[in-house]
Amino acid sequence: MRALVLFLLLTMALILQSTVFAFLQVAGVKPDLVLMLVVFNGFLRGSREGAFLGFLAGLAQDIFTGSYIGLNALTKMVAGYLVGLAEARFFKESVILVSMFTMLVGVVNQVIFYLLLYYLQIEVSPIYALGQVIIPSAIYTGLLVPLTYWKFYSSNEEGWLKQKDF
């Protein structure tokens, strides 16, 4: 059941990110809803599940958007792993902490993405990338966390996302 719910949430995030949030851009950027899902899962479930969902979600994002296959898979996997390292060390009920992690991992995710683009000989001005895409996107994504984290957290504790012990 958990896998099905995560699949549906990922599908919804991809659709919303490419449709609704295309019209809700701020300063030319939109939030990374897929990254939010990966951060939430990694923060609540640990680095192993964070990296796994990050890879699958990034791969789905690559396929769905038609970009280079594997770039988002790699960057989202790293993001899920990094956030998952904090799983046992921090207070999971803190929305502010999750927002800050989302912003920080958003920056790391995008910096790795742009480094991989540079490796593929696709040059983007670092000043432009940092000031016009990376930082604003990370802030926008982080500001959306308080609107969604409580629902994900409560579902993870007592709802459809709770791991059932047999």
C-alpha atoms as a PDB file:
ATOM      1  CA  MET A   1       0.000   0.000   0.000  1.00  0.00           C
ATOM      2  CA  ARG A   2       2.856   2.379   0.877  1.00  0.00           C
ATOM      3  CA  ALA A   3       4.470   1.910  -2.535  1.00  0.00           C
ATOM      4  CA  LEU A   4       1.189   2.640  -4.297  1.00  0.00           C
ATOM      5  CA  VAL A   5       0.619   5.825  -2.280  1.00  0.00           C
ATOM      6  CA  LEU A   6       4.177   7.017  -2.959  1.00  0.00           C
ATOM      7  CA  PHE A   7       3.693   6.277  -6.670  1.00  0.00           C
ATOM      8  CA  LEU A   8       0.468   8.310  -6.687  1.00  0.00           C
ATOM      9  CA  LEU A   9       2.122  11.174  -4.791  1.00  0.00           C
ATOM     10  CA  LEU A  10       5.041  11.166  -7.225  1.00  0.00           C
ATOM     11  CA  THR A  11       2.692  11.165 -10.202  1.00  0.00           C
ATOM     12  CA  MET A  12       0.710  14.035  -8.704  1.00  0.00           C
ATOM     13  CA  ALA A  13       3.917  15.983  -7.970  1.00  0.00           C
ATOM     14  CA  LEU A  14       5.139  15.562 -11.546  1.00  0.00           C
ATOM     15  CA  ILE A  15       1.806  16.630 -13.013  1.00  0.00           C
ATOM     16  CA  LEU A  16       1.410  19.632 -10.700  1.00  0.00           C
ATOM     17  CA  GLN A  17       5.003  20.713 -11.261  1.00  0.00           C
ATOM     18  CA  SER A  18       4.614  20.733 -15.026  1.00  0.00           C
ATOM     19  CA  THR A  19       1.100  22.191 -15.210  1.00  0.00           C
ATOM     20  CA  VAL A  20      -0.202  24.250 -12.295  1.00  0.00           C
ATOM     21  CA  PHE A  21       3.162  25.493 -11.055  1.00  0.00           C
ATOM     22  CA  ALA A  22       4.162  26.500 -14.573  1.00  0.00           C
ATOM     23  CA  PHE A  23       1.612  29.299 -14.057  1.00  0.00           C
ATOM     24  CA  LEU A  24       2.681  29.971 -10.462  1.00  0.00           C
ATOM     25  CA  GLN A  25       6.280  30.800 -11.236  1.00  0.00           C
ATOM     26  CA  VAL A  26       7.961  33.404  -9.074  1.00  0.00           C
ATOM     27  CA  ALA A  27      10.889  35.261 -10.621  1.00  0.00           C
ATOM     28  CA  GLY A  28      10.859  32.707 -13.434  1.00  0.00           C
ATOM     29  CA  VAL A  29      11.295  29.647 -11.208  1.00  0.00           C
ATOM     30  CA  LYS A  30       8.931  27.012  -9.915  1.00  0.00           C
ATOM     31  CA  PRO A  31       9.291  24.787  -6.878  1.00  0.00           C
ATOM     32  CA  ASP A  32      10.651  21.258  -7.108  1.00  0.00           C
ATOM     33  CA  LEU A  33       7.746  19.204  -5.756  1.00  0.00           C
ATOM     34  CA  VAL A  34       9.536  15.944  -6.519  1.00  0.00           C
ATOM     35  CA  LEU A  35      12.450  17.053  -4.354  1.00  0.00           C
ATOM     36  CA  MET A  36      10.012  17.895  -1.550  1.00  0.00           C
ATOM     37  CA  LEU A  37       8.621  14.371  -1.684  1.00  0.00           C
ATOM     38  CA  VAL A  38      12.136  12.895  -1.639  1.00  0.00           C
ATOM     39  CA  VAL A  39      13.147  15.111   1.301  1.00  0.00           C
ATOM     40  CA  PHE A  40      10.053  14.209   3.310  1.00  0.00           C
ATOM     41  CA  ASN A  41      10.578  10.501   2.722  1.00  0.00           C
ATOM     42  CA  GLY A  42      14.309  10.611   3.459  1.00  0.00           C
ATOM     43  CA  PHE A  43      13.854  12.701   6.593  1.00  0.00           C
ATOM     44  CA  LEU A  44      11.229  10.330   7.983  1.00  0.00           C
ATOM     45  CA  ARG A  45      12.577   6.992   6.717  1.00  0.00           C
ATOM     46  CA  GLY A  46      16.365   7.294   6.527  1.00  0.00           C
ATOM     47  CA  SER A  47      19.069   7.471   3.906  1.00  0.00           C
ATOM     48  CA  ARG A  48      18.414   4.090   2.309  1.00  0.00           C
ATOM     49  CA  GLU A  49      14.747   4.764   1.539  1.00  0.00           C
ATOM     50  CA  GLY A  50      15.522   8.406   0.770  1.00  0.00           C
ATOM     51  CA  ALA A  51      18.122   7.451  -1.827  1.00  0.00           C
ATOM     52  CA  PHE A  52      15.892   4.743  -3.307  1.00  0.00           C
ATOM     53  CA  LEU A  53      12.867   7.010  -3.705  1.00  0.00           C
ATOM     54  CA  GLY A  54      15.158   9.805  -4.878  1.00  0.00           C
ATOM     55  CA  PHE A  55      16.541   7.632  -7.655  1.00  0.00           C
ATOM     56  CA  LEU A  56      13.129   6.395  -8.768  1.00  0.00           C
ATOM     57  CA  ALA A  57      11.541   9.851  -8.541  1.00  0.00           C
ATOM     58  CA  GLY A  58      14.433  11.463 -10.404  1.00  0.00           C
ATOM     59  CA  LEU A  59      14.280   8.811 -13.107  1.00  0.00           C
ATOM     60  CA  ALA A  60      10.537   9.346 -13.460  1.00  0.00           C
ATOM     61  CA  GLN A  61      11.155  13.088 -13.679  1.00  0.00           C
ATOM     62  CA  ASP A  62      13.783  12.564 -16.382  1.00  0.00           C
ATOM     63  CA  ILE A  63      11.445  10.354 -18.400  1.00  0.00           C
ATOM     64  CA  PHE A  64       8.430  12.607 -17.842  1.00  0.00           C
ATOM     65  CA  THR A  65      10.219  15.836 -18.801  1.00  0.00           C
ATOM     66  CA  GLY A  66      12.349  14.386 -21.572  1.00  0.00           C
ATOM     67  CA  SER A  67      15.618  15.732 -20.208  1.00  0.00           C
ATOM     68  CA  TYR A  68      18.866  13.809 -20.032  1.00  0.00           C
ATOM     69  CA  ILE A  69      18.004  10.415 -18.585  1.00  0.00           C
ATOM     70  CA  GLY A  70      19.783   9.927 -15.277  1.00  0.00           C
ATOM     71  CA  LEU A  71      20.656  13.500 -14.296  1.00  0.00           C
ATOM     72  CA  ASN A  72      17.685  14.021 -12.008  1.00  0.00           C
ATOM     73  CA  ALA A  73      17.887  10.383 -10.900  1.00  0.00           C
ATOM     74  CA  LEU A  74      21.442  10.914  -9.663  1.00  0.00           C
ATOM     75  CA  THR A  75      20.846  14.308  -8.060  1.00  0.00           C
ATOM     76  CA  LYS A  76      17.602  13.293  -6.334  1.00  0.00           C
ATOM     77  CA  MET A  77      19.265  10.090  -5.092  1.00  0.00           C
ATOM     78  CA  VAL A  78      22.062  12.140  -3.510  1.00  0.00           C
ATOM     79  CA  ALA A  79      19.497  14.518  -2.009  1.00  0.00           C
ATOM     80  CA  GLY A  80      17.453  11.667  -0.527  1.00  0.00           C
ATOM     81  CA  TYR A  81      20.576  10.074   0.900  1.00  0.00           C
ATOM     82  CA  LEU A  82      21.858  13.296   2.462  1.00  0.00           C
ATOM     83  CA  VAL A  83      18.533  14.128   4.089  1.00  0.00           C
ATOM     84  CA  GLY A  84      18.200  10.553   5.265  1.00  0.00           C
ATOM     85  CA  LEU A  85      21.435  10.891   7.221  1.00  0.00           C
ATOM     86  CA  ALA A  86      19.602  13.365   9.462  1.00  0.00           C
ATOM     87  CA  GLU A  87      16.686  10.980  10.101  1.00  0.00           C
ATOM     88  CA  ALA A  88      17.782   9.757  13.541  1.00  0.00           C
ATOM     89  CA  ARG A  89      19.436  12.984  14.653  1.00  0.00           C
ATOM     90  CA  PHE A  90      16.710  15.602  14.459  1.00  0.00           C
ATOM     91  CA  PHE A  91      13.219  16.300  15.736  1.00  0.00           C
ATOM     92  CA  LYS A  92      10.898  15.075  12.954  1.00  0.00           C
ATOM     93  CA  GLU A  93       7.963  17.239  13.989  1.00  0.00           C
ATOM     94  CA  SER A  94       9.830  20.493  13.263  1.00  0.00           C
ATOM     95  CA  VAL A  95       8.469  22.000  10.068  1.00  0.00           C
ATOM     96  CA  ILE A  96      11.059  24.784  10.206  1.00  0.00           C
ATOM     97  CA  LEU A  97      13.869  22.237  10.294  1.00  0.00           C
ATOM     98  CA  VAL A  98      12.406  20.328   7.348  1.00  0.00           C
ATOM     99  CA  SER A  99      12.021  23.618   5.427  1.00  0.00           C
ATOM    100  CA  MET A 100      15.666  24.471   6.050  1.00  0.00           C
ATOM    101  CA  PHE A 101      16.782  20.975   5.010  1.00  0.00           C
ATOM    102  CA  THR A 102      14.687  21.289   1.867  1.00  0.00           C
ATOM    103  CA  MET A 103      16.293  24.616   0.985  1.00  0.00           C
ATOM    104  CA  LEU A 104      19.808  23.327   1.680  1.00  0.00           C
ATOM    105  CA  VAL A 105      19.316  20.077  -0.221  1.00  0.00           C
ATOM    106  CA  GLY A 106      17.619  22.046  -3.016  1.00  0.00           C
ATOM    107  CA  VAL A 107      20.807  24.047  -3.466  1.00  0.00           C
ATOM    108  CA  VAL A 108      22.989  20.915  -3.340  1.00  0.00           C
ATOM    109  CA  ASN A 109      20.676  19.139  -5.795  1.00  0.00           C
ATOM    110  CA  GLN A 110      20.803  21.972  -8.323  1.00  0.00           C
ATOM    111  CA  VAL A 111      24.558  22.550  -7.963  1.00  0.00           C
ATOM    112  CA  ILE A 112      25.197  18.865  -8.706  1.00  0.00           C
ATOM    113  CA  PHE A 113      22.776  19.084 -11.634  1.00  0.00           C
ATOM    114  CA  TYR A 114      24.634  22.076 -13.106  1.00  0.00           C
ATOM    115  CA  LEU A 115      28.009  20.398 -12.542  1.00  0.00           C
ATOM    116  CA  LEU A 116      26.763  17.371 -14.447  1.00  0.00           C
ATOM    117  CA  LEU A 117      25.526  19.647 -17.235  1.00  0.00           C
ATOM    118  CA  TYR A 118      28.965  21.265 -17.334  1.00  0.00           C
ATOM    119  CA  TYR A 119      30.509  17.785 -17.557  1.00  0.00           C
ATOM    120  CA  LEU A 120      28.235  17.146 -20.559  1.00  0.00           C
ATOM    121  CA  GLN A 121      29.648  20.368 -22.059  1.00  0.00           C
ATOM    122  CA  ILE A 122      26.436  22.349 -21.581  1.00  0.00           C
ATOM    123  CA  GLU A 123      27.655  25.597 -20.151  1.00  0.00           C
ATOM    124  CA  VAL A 124      25.445  27.803 -18.034  1.00  0.00           C
ATOM    125  CA  SER A 125      26.813  30.921 -16.397  1.00  0.00           C
ATOM    126  CA  PRO A 126      27.451  30.101 -12.722  1.00  0.00           C
ATOM    127  CA  ILE A 127      26.278  33.548 -11.643  1.00  0.00           C
ATOM    128  CA  TYR A 128      23.044  33.175 -13.589  1.00  0.00           C
ATOM    129  CA  ALA A 129      22.495  29.608 -12.392  1.00  0.00           C
ATOM    130  CA  LEU A 130      23.058  30.494  -8.741  1.00  0.00           C
ATOM    131  CA  GLY A 131      21.223  33.804  -8.654  1.00  0.00           C
ATOM    132  CA  GLN A 132      18.376  33.176 -11.065  1.00  0.00           C
ATOM    133  CA  VAL A 133      17.634  29.467 -10.659  1.00  0.00           C
ATOM    134  CA  ILE A 134      19.303  27.626  -7.778  1.00  0.00           C
ATOM    135  CA  ILE A 135      18.729  29.968  -4.827  1.00  0.00           C
ATOM    136  CA  PRO A 136      15.217  31.156  -5.824  1.00  0.00           C
ATOM    137  CA  SER A 137      14.052  27.607  -6.572  1.00  0.00           C
ATOM    138  CA  ALA A 138      15.405  26.321  -3.242  1.00  0.00           C
ATOM    139  CA  ILE A 139      13.687  29.141  -1.343  1.00  0.00           C
ATOM    140  CA  TYR A 140      10.384  28.669  -3.185  1.00  0.00           C
ATOM    141  CA  THR A 141      10.449  24.919  -2.543  1.00  0.00           C
ATOM    142  CA  GLY A 142      11.357  25.431   1.114  1.00  0.00           C
ATOM    143  CA  LEU A 143       8.523  27.902   1.614  1.00  0.00           C
ATOM    144  CA  LEU A 144       5.990  25.325   0.400  1.00  0.00           C
ATOM    145  CA  VAL A 145       7.080  22.753   2.991  1.00  0.00           C
ATOM    146  CA  PRO A 146       4.859  24.060   5.836  1.00  0.00           C
ATOM    147  CA  LEU A 147       1.813  23.675   3.594  1.00  0.00           C
ATOM    148  CA  THR A 148       2.421  19.981   2.924  1.00  0.00           C
ATOM    149  CA  TYR A 149       4.746  18.420   5.504  1.00  0.00           C
ATOM    150  CA  TRP A 150       2.161  17.908   8.261  1.00  0.00           C
ATOM    151  CA  LYS A 151      -0.064  15.823   6.014  1.00  0.00           C
ATOM    152  CA  PHE A 152       2.857  13.676   4.885  1.00  0.00           C
ATOM    153  CA  TYR A 153       4.151  13.323   8.456  1.00  0.00           C
ATOM    154  CA  SER A 154       0.780  12.328   9.900  1.00  0.00           C
ATOM    155  CA  SER A 155       0.198   9.841   7.084  1.00  0.00           C
ATOM    156  CA  ASN A 156       3.652   8.397   7.722  1.00  0.00           C
ATOM    157  CA  GLU A 157       2.873   7.975  11.433  1.00  0.00           C
ATOM    158  CA  GLU A 158      -0.728   6.786  11.375  1.00  0.00           C
ATOM    159  CA  GLY A 159      -2.016   6.845   7.815  1.00  0.00           C
ATOM    160  CA  TRP A 160      -1.533   5.257   4.426  1.00  0.00           C
ATOM    161  CA  LEU A 161       2.244   5.735   4.427  1.00  0.00           C
ATOM    162  CA  LYS A 162       2.775   3.911   7.718  1.00  0.00           C
ATOM    163  CA  GLN A 163       4.904   0.821   7.388  1.00  0.00           C
ATOM    164  CA  LYS A 164       2.834  -2.171   8.417  1.00  0.00           C
ATOM    165  CA  ASP A 165       4.515  -4.863  10.512  1.00  0.00           C
ATOM    166  CA  PHE A 166       3.379  -8.375   9.756  1.00  0.00           C
END
